[in-house]
Amino acid sequence: MAAICVFCASSRTLAPRWLELARTAGLALARRGHTLVSGGGCVGMMGAVADGARAGGARTYGVIPQSLVDLEVADTAADELAITDGMASRKTLMIDKSDAFLTLPGGLGTLDELFEVWTTATLGLHHKPVVLLDADGYYTGLVEWLRGLVAPGFVPAGALDRLTVVSTVEEAFTVIEDYRA
């Protein structure tokens, strides 16, 4: 059993397929006996992954800054909801509380979180798996661009080894579980 942090979109205007992907990830996390660590929001994919995890019987731990609580987007159904003083302390706590990281489709905030955990893994500050779910080719362009940064020396080749790119939810959890074993 692991505490898995899931990064994903919190937008209220997403197509139903992305919300279903998040719910599926939450259900799979629960079925495999893991705990969800999330950004503590109740909207968009973030809300859907938490709802899926709870529907499957998983424990949920949310971390949210007070400014977002004030906007009434907090996941008050979480088993535990930690409230931080800002976004930076939110990320720090999420990283500390997690054994692995799974990034689903998302926007700027999701990318910020992905790059934070990937960079710190590359620097050896943690040895936790970092998995990117490239559902329907969502991240294909980004991954290709990142690979292109190796030849000119902007990104060390070894950094790409610290990010595992998968195409399905089940593959993501298998990678995480195999990594921990």
N, C-alpha and C. Protein backbone atom coordinates (compact mmCIF):
# COMPACT_ATOMS: atom_id res chain seq x y z
N MET A 1 0.85 -1.19 0.00
CA MET A 1 0.00 0.00 0.00
C MET A 1 0.88 1.24 0.00
N ALA A 2 0.58 2.16 -0.90
CA ALA A 2 1.37 3.38 -1.03
C ALA A 2 0.46 4.60 -1.00
N ALA A 3 1.05 5.71 -0.62
CA ALA A 3 0.36 7.00 -0.74
C ALA A 3 0.77 7.57 -2.09
N ILE A 4 -0.18 7.65 -3.00
CA ILE A 4 0.11 8.09 -4.36
C ILE A 4 -0.49 9.46 -4.59
N CYS A 5 0.38 10.39 -4.94
CA CYS A 5 -0.05 11.75 -5.25
C CYS A 5 -0.44 11.81 -6.72
N VAL A 6 -1.66 12.28 -6.99
CA VAL A 6 -2.13 12.41 -8.35
C VAL A 6 -2.27 13.89 -8.67
N PHE A 7 -1.53 14.33 -9.67
CA PHE A 7 -1.62 15.69 -10.18
C PHE A 7 -2.53 15.68 -11.40
N CYS A 8 -3.44 16.65 -11.49
CA CYS A 8 -4.35 16.71 -12.64
C CYS A 8 -5.08 18.04 -12.65
N ALA A 9 -5.86 18.24 -13.70
CA ALA A 9 -6.57 19.50 -13.90
C ALA A 9 -7.67 19.70 -12.87
N SER A 10 -7.87 20.96 -12.51
CA SER A 10 -8.97 21.31 -11.59
C SER A 10 -9.97 22.23 -12.27
N SER A 11 -9.89 22.31 -13.58
CA SER A 11 -10.80 23.17 -14.34
C SER A 11 -12.22 22.64 -14.28
N ARG A 12 -13.17 23.56 -14.21
CA ARG A 12 -14.59 23.19 -14.18
C ARG A 12 -15.17 22.98 -15.58
N THR A 13 -14.40 23.21 -16.61
CA THR A 13 -14.95 23.21 -17.98
C THR A 13 -14.34 22.11 -18.84
N LEU A 14 -14.08 20.96 -18.29
CA LEU A 14 -13.44 19.88 -19.03
C LEU A 14 -14.47 18.97 -19.70
N ALA A 15 -14.04 18.36 -20.78
CA ALA A 15 -14.87 17.37 -21.45
C ALA A 15 -15.07 16.17 -20.52
N PRO A 16 -16.22 15.53 -20.60
CA PRO A 16 -16.52 14.38 -19.73
C PRO A 16 -15.48 13.27 -19.79
N ARG A 17 -14.82 13.06 -20.93
CA ARG A 17 -13.85 11.97 -21.03
C ARG A 17 -12.68 12.17 -20.06
N TRP A 18 -12.29 13.42 -19.80
CA TRP A 18 -11.18 13.66 -18.87
C TRP A 18 -11.63 13.42 -17.44
N LEU A 19 -12.85 13.77 -17.12
CA LEU A 19 -13.37 13.50 -15.78
C LEU A 19 -13.49 12.00 -15.55
N GLU A 20 -13.90 11.27 -16.59
CA GLU A 20 -14.01 9.82 -16.48
C GLU A 20 -12.63 9.18 -16.31
N LEU A 21 -11.63 9.70 -17.01
CA LEU A 21 -10.26 9.20 -16.84
C LEU A 21 -9.82 9.37 -15.40
N ALA A 22 -10.08 10.53 -14.82
CA ALA A 22 -9.69 10.80 -13.44
C ALA A 22 -10.44 9.87 -12.47
N ARG A 23 -11.73 9.70 -12.69
CA ARG A 23 -12.50 8.80 -11.82
C ARG A 23 -11.97 7.36 -11.93
N THR A 24 -11.64 6.95 -13.15
CA THR A 24 -11.08 5.61 -13.36
C THR A 24 -9.76 5.45 -12.61
N ALA A 25 -8.94 6.49 -12.64
CA ALA A 25 -7.67 6.45 -11.90
C ALA A 25 -7.92 6.33 -10.40
N GLY A 26 -8.89 7.06 -9.88
CA GLY A 26 -9.23 6.98 -8.47
C GLY A 26 -9.73 5.59 -8.08
N LEU A 27 -10.58 5.02 -8.91
CA LEU A 27 -11.09 3.67 -8.64
C LEU A 27 -9.97 2.63 -8.68
N ALA A 28 -9.06 2.75 -9.66
CA ALA A 28 -7.94 1.82 -9.75
C ALA A 28 -7.02 1.94 -8.55
N LEU A 29 -6.76 3.16 -8.12
CA LEU A 29 -5.95 3.40 -6.94
C LEU A 29 -6.56 2.69 -5.73
N ALA A 30 -7.86 2.82 -5.57
CA ALA A 30 -8.55 2.18 -4.44
C ALA A 30 -8.51 0.66 -4.55
N ARG A 31 -8.79 0.15 -5.74
CA ARG A 31 -8.82 -1.30 -5.95
C ARG A 31 -7.47 -1.92 -5.61
N ARG A 32 -6.41 -1.17 -5.83
CA ARG A 32 -5.07 -1.68 -5.57
C ARG A 32 -4.60 -1.42 -4.13
N GLY A 33 -5.49 -0.82 -3.32
CA GLY A 33 -5.20 -0.66 -1.90
C GLY A 33 -4.36 0.55 -1.52
N HIS A 34 -4.30 1.56 -2.37
CA HIS A 34 -3.47 2.73 -2.10
C HIS A 34 -4.28 3.87 -1.48
N THR A 35 -3.56 4.84 -0.96
CA THR A 35 -4.13 6.09 -0.44
C THR A 35 -3.91 7.17 -1.49
N LEU A 36 -4.90 8.04 -1.65
CA LEU A 36 -4.77 9.17 -2.57
C LEU A 36 -4.27 10.39 -1.83
N VAL A 37 -3.23 11.01 -2.37
CA VAL A 37 -2.81 12.34 -1.94
C VAL A 37 -3.15 13.25 -3.12
N SER A 38 -3.89 14.32 -2.83
CA SER A 38 -4.31 15.21 -3.91
C SER A 38 -4.13 16.67 -3.50
N GLY A 39 -4.41 17.55 -4.46
CA GLY A 39 -4.34 18.98 -4.21
C GLY A 39 -5.49 19.51 -3.39
N GLY A 40 -6.35 18.63 -2.92
CA GLY A 40 -7.40 19.02 -1.97
C GLY A 40 -8.57 19.77 -2.56
N GLY A 41 -8.70 19.77 -3.88
CA GLY A 41 -9.83 20.44 -4.51
C GLY A 41 -10.96 19.47 -4.81
N CYS A 42 -12.14 20.03 -5.02
CA CYS A 42 -13.32 19.19 -5.27
C CYS A 42 -13.88 19.39 -6.67
N VAL A 43 -13.16 20.09 -7.54
CA VAL A 43 -13.66 20.39 -8.88
C VAL A 43 -12.76 19.77 -9.94
N GLY A 44 -13.29 19.65 -11.15
CA GLY A 44 -12.55 19.13 -12.28
C GLY A 44 -12.07 17.72 -12.05
N MET A 45 -10.95 17.41 -12.68
CA MET A 45 -10.38 16.07 -12.56
C MET A 45 -9.95 15.79 -11.13
N MET A 46 -9.51 16.83 -10.41
CA MET A 46 -9.08 16.63 -9.03
C MET A 46 -10.23 16.11 -8.18
N GLY A 47 -11.41 16.68 -8.35
CA GLY A 47 -12.57 16.19 -7.64
C GLY A 47 -12.98 14.80 -8.08
N ALA A 48 -12.87 14.54 -9.39
CA ALA A 48 -13.27 13.23 -9.93
C ALA A 48 -12.35 12.12 -9.44
N VAL A 49 -11.04 12.36 -9.37
CA VAL A 49 -10.14 11.32 -8.90
C VAL A 49 -10.40 11.03 -7.42
N ALA A 50 -10.66 12.06 -6.64
CA ALA A 50 -10.96 11.86 -5.21
C ALA A 50 -12.29 11.12 -5.04
N ASP A 51 -13.29 11.49 -5.81
CA ASP A 51 -14.58 10.80 -5.73
C ASP A 51 -14.43 9.33 -6.12
N GLY A 52 -13.66 9.06 -7.16
CA GLY A 52 -13.42 7.68 -7.57
C GLY A 52 -12.69 6.89 -6.50
N ALA A 53 -11.68 7.50 -5.91
CA ALA A 53 -10.92 6.82 -4.86
C ALA A 53 -11.82 6.48 -3.68
N ARG A 54 -12.63 7.45 -3.27
CA ARG A 54 -13.54 7.19 -2.13
C ARG A 54 -14.59 6.15 -2.48
N ALA A 55 -15.10 6.20 -3.72
CA ALA A 55 -16.11 5.22 -4.15
C ALA A 55 -15.54 3.81 -4.08
N GLY A 56 -14.23 3.68 -4.28
CA GLY A 56 -13.58 2.38 -4.21
C GLY A 56 -13.09 2.02 -2.82
N GLY A 57 -13.29 2.91 -1.85
CA GLY A 57 -12.91 2.62 -0.47
C GLY A 57 -11.53 3.11 -0.06
N ALA A 58 -10.88 3.91 -0.88
CA ALA A 58 -9.54 4.41 -0.54
C ALA A 58 -9.62 5.56 0.44
N ARG A 59 -8.55 5.72 1.20
CA ARG A 59 -8.39 6.87 2.07
C ARG A 59 -7.91 8.03 1.19
N THR A 60 -8.41 9.24 1.46
CA THR A 60 -8.00 10.41 0.69
C THR A 60 -7.42 11.47 1.62
N TYR A 61 -6.31 12.03 1.18
CA TYR A 61 -5.60 13.07 1.92
C TYR A 61 -5.43 14.25 0.97
N GLY A 62 -6.07 15.36 1.26
CA GLY A 62 -5.98 16.54 0.41
C GLY A 62 -5.13 17.62 1.05
N VAL A 63 -4.44 18.38 0.20
CA VAL A 63 -3.61 19.49 0.65
C VAL A 63 -4.01 20.70 -0.19
N ILE A 64 -4.47 21.75 0.47
CA ILE A 64 -4.99 22.90 -0.25
C ILE A 64 -4.60 24.20 0.46
N PRO A 65 -4.24 25.23 -0.30
CA PRO A 65 -3.94 26.50 0.34
C PRO A 65 -5.22 27.21 0.80
N GLN A 66 -5.10 28.01 1.82
CA GLN A 66 -6.25 28.73 2.37
C GLN A 66 -6.95 29.56 1.30
N SER A 67 -6.19 30.13 0.38
CA SER A 67 -6.80 30.97 -0.66
C SER A 67 -7.80 30.19 -1.50
N LEU A 68 -7.56 28.90 -1.73
CA LEU A 68 -8.51 28.08 -2.48
C LEU A 68 -9.67 27.62 -1.61
N VAL A 69 -9.42 27.42 -0.33
CA VAL A 69 -10.51 27.13 0.60
C VAL A 69 -11.50 28.30 0.58
N ASP A 70 -10.96 29.52 0.57
CA ASP A 70 -11.78 30.72 0.56
C ASP A 70 -12.65 30.82 -0.69
N LEU A 71 -12.21 30.18 -1.79
CA LEU A 71 -12.99 30.16 -3.02
C LEU A 71 -14.02 29.02 -3.04
N GLU A 72 -14.10 28.29 -1.95
CA GLU A 72 -15.05 27.19 -1.78
C GLU A 72 -14.82 26.05 -2.76
N VAL A 73 -13.56 25.71 -2.99
CA VAL A 73 -13.26 24.58 -3.85
C VAL A 73 -12.57 23.44 -3.09
N ALA A 74 -12.61 23.46 -1.77
CA ALA A 74 -11.95 22.43 -0.96
C ALA A 74 -12.74 21.13 -0.97
N ASP A 75 -12.01 20.04 -0.98
CA ASP A 75 -12.59 18.69 -0.92
C ASP A 75 -12.90 18.37 0.55
N THR A 76 -14.02 18.87 1.02
CA THR A 76 -14.39 18.70 2.43
C THR A 76 -14.76 17.26 2.75
N ALA A 77 -14.90 16.40 1.73
CA ALA A 77 -15.18 14.98 1.96
C ALA A 77 -13.90 14.17 2.18
N ALA A 78 -12.74 14.80 2.04
CA ALA A 78 -11.47 14.09 2.23
C ALA A 78 -11.39 13.53 3.65
N ASP A 79 -10.73 12.39 3.79
CA ASP A 79 -10.52 11.82 5.12
C ASP A 79 -9.69 12.76 5.98
N GLU A 80 -8.76 13.42 5.33
CA GLU A 80 -7.95 14.43 6.01
C GLU A 80 -7.66 15.54 5.02
N LEU A 81 -7.84 16.78 5.45
CA LEU A 81 -7.61 17.93 4.59
C LEU A 81 -6.66 18.88 5.31
N ALA A 82 -5.44 18.99 4.76
CA ALA A 82 -4.45 19.89 5.32
C ALA A 82 -4.54 21.23 4.59
N ILE A 83 -4.56 22.30 5.34
CA ILE A 83 -4.66 23.64 4.77
C ILE A 83 -3.33 24.34 4.97
N THR A 84 -2.76 24.82 3.85
CA THR A 84 -1.45 25.46 3.89
C THR A 84 -1.59 26.96 3.66
N ASP A 85 -0.48 27.67 3.84
CA ASP A 85 -0.51 29.12 3.67
C ASP A 85 -0.24 29.56 2.23
N GLY A 86 0.07 28.62 1.34
CA GLY A 86 0.31 29.00 -0.05
C GLY A 86 0.59 27.80 -0.93
N MET A 87 0.77 28.07 -2.21
CA MET A 87 0.97 27.00 -3.18
C MET A 87 2.31 26.28 -2.98
N ALA A 88 3.37 26.99 -2.64
CA ALA A 88 4.67 26.36 -2.45
C ALA A 88 4.64 25.38 -1.28
N SER A 89 4.06 25.79 -0.17
CA SER A 89 3.98 24.89 0.98
C SER A 89 3.03 23.72 0.69
N ARG A 90 2.05 23.95 -0.16
CA ARG A 90 1.15 22.87 -0.57
C ARG A 90 1.96 21.78 -1.28
N LYS A 91 2.78 22.19 -2.28
CA LYS A 91 3.57 21.21 -3.02
C LYS A 91 4.54 20.47 -2.10
N THR A 92 5.18 21.21 -1.21
CA THR A 92 6.14 20.58 -0.30
C THR A 92 5.46 19.50 0.54
N LEU A 93 4.30 19.80 1.08
CA LEU A 93 3.59 18.82 1.90
C LEU A 93 3.12 17.63 1.08
N MET A 94 2.62 17.89 -0.13
CA MET A 94 2.20 16.79 -0.99
C MET A 94 3.37 15.85 -1.30
N ILE A 95 4.52 16.42 -1.57
CA ILE A 95 5.71 15.61 -1.86
C ILE A 95 6.10 14.79 -0.63
N ASP A 96 6.11 15.43 0.52
CA ASP A 96 6.50 14.75 1.76
C ASP A 96 5.56 13.60 2.11
N LYS A 97 4.27 13.76 1.83
CA LYS A 97 3.26 12.76 2.21
C LYS A 97 3.12 11.62 1.21
N SER A 98 3.83 11.70 0.08
CA SER A 98 3.62 10.75 -1.01
C SER A 98 4.79 9.79 -1.19
N ASP A 99 4.44 8.58 -1.64
CA ASP A 99 5.44 7.56 -1.98
C ASP A 99 5.68 7.49 -3.48
N ALA A 100 4.77 8.07 -4.27
CA ALA A 100 4.86 8.03 -5.72
C ALA A 100 4.01 9.15 -6.30
N PHE A 101 4.28 9.48 -7.57
CA PHE A 101 3.55 10.58 -8.22
C PHE A 101 3.03 10.13 -9.57
N LEU A 102 1.77 10.43 -9.82
CA LEU A 102 1.13 10.13 -11.09
C LEU A 102 0.53 11.42 -11.62
N THR A 103 0.93 11.79 -12.84
CA THR A 103 0.41 13.00 -13.45
C THR A 103 -0.56 12.63 -14.56
N LEU A 104 -1.79 13.09 -14.42
CA LEU A 104 -2.83 12.95 -15.43
C LEU A 104 -2.84 14.23 -16.26
N PRO A 105 -3.64 14.29 -17.32
CA PRO A 105 -3.72 15.54 -18.08
C PRO A 105 -4.08 16.74 -17.20
N GLY A 106 -3.51 17.87 -17.53
CA GLY A 106 -3.77 19.09 -16.78
C GLY A 106 -3.13 20.29 -17.45
N GLY A 107 -3.19 21.41 -16.78
CA GLY A 107 -2.67 22.66 -17.31
C GLY A 107 -1.43 23.13 -16.59
N LEU A 108 -1.34 24.44 -16.39
CA LEU A 108 -0.13 25.03 -15.81
C LEU A 108 0.18 24.52 -14.41
N GLY A 109 -0.83 24.44 -13.55
CA GLY A 109 -0.59 23.95 -12.19
C GLY A 109 -0.10 22.52 -12.18
N THR A 110 -0.70 21.69 -13.03
CA THR A 110 -0.31 20.29 -13.13
C THR A 110 1.14 20.18 -13.62
N LEU A 111 1.47 20.97 -14.63
CA LEU A 111 2.84 20.94 -15.15
C LEU A 111 3.83 21.43 -14.10
N ASP A 112 3.46 22.45 -13.34
CA ASP A 112 4.31 22.95 -12.27
C ASP A 112 4.61 21.84 -11.27
N GLU A 113 3.58 21.10 -10.89
CA GLU A 113 3.76 20.01 -9.92
C GLU A 113 4.61 18.89 -10.51
N LEU A 114 4.32 18.52 -11.76
CA LEU A 114 5.13 17.49 -12.43
C LEU A 114 6.60 17.88 -12.46
N PHE A 115 6.88 19.09 -12.93
CA PHE A 115 8.28 19.50 -13.05
C PHE A 115 8.97 19.60 -11.70
N GLU A 116 8.24 19.97 -10.67
CA GLU A 116 8.84 20.03 -9.31
C GLU A 116 9.28 18.64 -8.86
N VAL A 117 8.39 17.64 -8.95
CA VAL A 117 8.76 16.31 -8.46
C VAL A 117 9.77 15.64 -9.37
N TRP A 118 9.70 15.91 -10.66
CA TRP A 118 10.65 15.33 -11.60
C TRP A 118 12.03 15.94 -11.39
N THR A 119 12.11 17.25 -11.24
CA THR A 119 13.38 17.92 -11.01
C THR A 119 14.03 17.44 -9.72
N THR A 120 13.24 17.39 -8.64
CA THR A 120 13.81 16.96 -7.36
C THR A 120 14.24 15.50 -7.40
N ALA A 121 13.54 14.66 -8.18
CA ALA A 121 13.97 13.27 -8.35
C ALA A 121 15.29 13.22 -9.13
N THR A 122 15.40 14.03 -10.17
CA THR A 122 16.61 14.07 -10.98
C THR A 122 17.81 14.53 -10.17
N LEU A 123 17.56 15.43 -9.22
CA LEU A 123 18.63 15.92 -8.35
C LEU A 123 18.96 14.96 -7.21
N GLY A 124 18.20 13.86 -7.11
CA GLY A 124 18.44 12.88 -6.06
C GLY A 124 17.87 13.28 -4.71
N LEU A 125 16.96 14.27 -4.69
CA LEU A 125 16.37 14.72 -3.43
C LEU A 125 15.27 13.77 -2.95
N HIS A 126 14.77 12.94 -3.84
CA HIS A 126 13.89 11.84 -3.46
C HIS A 126 14.06 10.73 -4.49
N HIS A 127 13.63 9.53 -4.12
CA HIS A 127 13.77 8.36 -5.00
C HIS A 127 12.41 7.72 -5.22
N LYS A 128 11.42 8.55 -5.44
CA LYS A 128 10.05 8.09 -5.62
C LYS A 128 9.73 8.07 -7.12
N PRO A 129 8.91 7.11 -7.55
CA PRO A 129 8.57 7.07 -8.98
C PRO A 129 7.75 8.27 -9.41
N VAL A 130 8.06 8.74 -10.62
CA VAL A 130 7.34 9.86 -11.24
C VAL A 130 6.80 9.32 -12.57
N VAL A 131 5.46 9.23 -12.65
CA VAL A 131 4.81 8.62 -13.81
C VAL A 131 3.92 9.66 -14.49
N LEU A 132 4.02 9.72 -15.80
CA LEU A 132 3.23 10.64 -16.62
C LEU A 132 2.27 9.81 -17.47
N LEU A 133 0.97 10.01 -17.28
CA LEU A 133 -0.04 9.30 -18.07
C LEU A 133 -0.34 10.11 -19.33
N ASP A 134 0.16 9.60 -20.45
CA ASP A 134 -0.03 10.25 -21.75
C ASP A 134 -1.29 9.70 -22.42
N ALA A 135 -2.42 9.91 -21.79
CA ALA A 135 -3.70 9.40 -22.29
C ALA A 135 -4.06 10.09 -23.60
N ASP A 136 -4.37 9.30 -24.59
CA ASP A 136 -4.77 9.82 -25.91
C ASP A 136 -3.74 10.77 -26.50
N GLY A 137 -2.47 10.59 -26.16
CA GLY A 137 -1.41 11.43 -26.71
C GLY A 137 -1.37 12.84 -26.15
N TYR A 138 -2.03 13.05 -25.00
CA TYR A 138 -2.12 14.39 -24.42
C TYR A 138 -0.74 15.04 -24.23
N TYR A 139 0.23 14.27 -23.76
CA TYR A 139 1.56 14.81 -23.47
C TYR A 139 2.61 14.48 -24.53
N THR A 140 2.23 13.87 -25.64
CA THR A 140 3.20 13.43 -26.64
C THR A 140 4.09 14.58 -27.11
N GLY A 141 3.51 15.71 -27.45
CA GLY A 141 4.29 16.85 -27.92
C GLY A 141 5.27 17.34 -26.87
N LEU A 142 4.83 17.40 -25.63
CA LEU A 142 5.70 17.84 -24.54
C LEU A 142 6.88 16.88 -24.37
N VAL A 143 6.61 15.60 -24.38
CA VAL A 143 7.66 14.60 -24.18
C VAL A 143 8.66 14.66 -25.34
N GLU A 144 8.18 14.80 -26.55
CA GLU A 144 9.09 14.93 -27.69
C GLU A 144 9.95 16.18 -27.56
N TRP A 145 9.37 17.29 -27.15
CA TRP A 145 10.13 18.53 -26.97
C TRP A 145 11.20 18.34 -25.89
N LEU A 146 10.84 17.70 -24.79
CA LEU A 146 11.80 17.47 -23.71
C LEU A 146 12.96 16.60 -24.18
N ARG A 147 12.67 15.56 -24.96
CA ARG A 147 13.73 14.71 -25.50
C ARG A 147 14.67 15.53 -26.39
N GLY A 148 14.12 16.51 -27.08
CA GLY A 148 14.93 17.37 -27.94
C GLY A 148 15.86 18.29 -27.17
N LEU A 149 15.65 18.43 -25.88
CA LEU A 149 16.52 19.27 -25.06
C LEU A 149 17.80 18.57 -24.60
N VAL A 150 17.87 17.25 -24.84
CA VAL A 150 19.04 16.48 -24.41
C VAL A 150 20.25 16.79 -25.30
N ALA A 151 20.10 16.72 -26.62
CA ALA A 151 21.23 16.90 -27.54
C ALA A 151 21.96 18.23 -27.34
N PRO A 152 21.27 19.35 -27.18
CA PRO A 152 22.01 20.60 -26.96
C PRO A 152 22.51 20.77 -25.52
N GLY A 153 22.21 19.81 -24.65
CA GLY A 153 22.74 19.84 -23.29
C GLY A 153 21.90 20.56 -22.26
N PHE A 154 20.68 20.92 -22.60
CA PHE A 154 19.83 21.60 -21.63
C PHE A 154 19.24 20.66 -20.58
N VAL A 155 19.06 19.40 -20.95
CA VAL A 155 18.53 18.39 -20.04
C VAL A 155 19.45 17.17 -20.12
N PRO A 156 19.96 16.69 -18.98
CA PRO A 156 20.80 15.49 -19.03
C PRO A 156 19.97 14.27 -19.43
N ALA A 157 20.55 13.38 -20.21
CA ALA A 157 19.84 12.18 -20.67
C ALA A 157 19.27 11.39 -19.49
N GLY A 158 20.01 11.34 -18.39
CA GLY A 158 19.56 10.60 -17.22
C GLY A 158 18.27 11.14 -16.62
N ALA A 159 18.00 12.40 -16.85
CA ALA A 159 16.76 12.99 -16.31
C ALA A 159 15.54 12.33 -16.93
N LEU A 160 15.64 12.00 -18.21
CA LEU A 160 14.51 11.35 -18.87
C LEU A 160 14.25 9.97 -18.29
N ASP A 161 15.27 9.34 -17.73
CA ASP A 161 15.09 8.03 -17.11
C ASP A 161 14.29 8.11 -15.81
N ARG A 162 14.21 9.29 -15.22
CA ARG A 162 13.48 9.47 -13.95
C ARG A 162 12.00 9.74 -14.17
N LEU A 163 11.57 9.84 -15.42
CA LEU A 163 10.17 10.05 -15.76
C LEU A 163 9.71 8.87 -16.60
N THR A 164 8.69 8.17 -16.12
CA THR A 164 8.13 7.05 -16.86
C THR A 164 6.84 7.49 -17.51
N VAL A 165 6.78 7.36 -18.82
CA VAL A 165 5.59 7.76 -19.59
C VAL A 165 4.81 6.49 -19.94
N VAL A 166 3.52 6.50 -19.61
CA VAL A 166 2.64 5.36 -19.87
C VAL A 166 1.39 5.86 -20.59
N SER A 167 0.61 4.92 -21.12
CA SER A 167 -0.58 5.32 -21.86
C SER A 167 -1.89 4.89 -21.22
N THR A 168 -1.84 4.06 -20.16
CA THR A 168 -3.07 3.62 -19.50
C THR A 168 -2.96 3.74 -17.99
N VAL A 169 -4.11 3.82 -17.36
CA VAL A 169 -4.17 3.90 -15.90
C VAL A 169 -3.56 2.65 -15.27
N GLU A 170 -3.93 1.49 -15.77
CA GLU A 170 -3.42 0.24 -15.19
C GLU A 170 -1.90 0.16 -15.31
N GLU A 171 -1.37 0.56 -16.46
CA GLU A 171 0.08 0.56 -16.65
C GLU A 171 0.75 1.50 -15.65
N ALA A 172 0.13 2.64 -15.38
CA ALA A 172 0.69 3.60 -14.42
C ALA A 172 0.85 2.97 -13.04
N PHE A 173 -0.20 2.31 -12.58
CA PHE A 173 -0.13 1.72 -11.24
C PHE A 173 0.81 0.52 -11.19
N THR A 174 0.90 -0.22 -12.28
CA THR A 174 1.86 -1.33 -12.33
C THR A 174 3.28 -0.81 -12.23
N VAL A 175 3.58 0.26 -12.95
CA VAL A 175 4.92 0.86 -12.89
C VAL A 175 5.23 1.31 -11.46
N ILE A 176 4.28 1.97 -10.83
CA ILE A 176 4.48 2.46 -9.46
C ILE A 176 4.71 1.29 -8.50
N GLU A 177 3.90 0.27 -8.61
CA GLU A 177 4.02 -0.89 -7.70
C GLU A 177 5.31 -1.66 -7.95
N ASP A 178 5.69 -1.82 -9.21
CA ASP A 178 6.95 -2.51 -9.52
C ASP A 178 8.14 -1.72 -9.03
N TYR A 179 8.08 -0.41 -9.13
CA TYR A 179 9.15 0.47 -8.68
C TYR A 179 9.35 0.33 -7.17
N ARG A 180 8.24 0.28 -6.45
CA ARG A 180 8.30 0.17 -4.99
C ARG A 180 8.79 -1.20 -4.55
N ALA A 181 8.52 -2.22 -5.35
CA ALA A 181 8.93 -3.59 -4.99
C ALA A 181 10.43 -3.70 -5.14
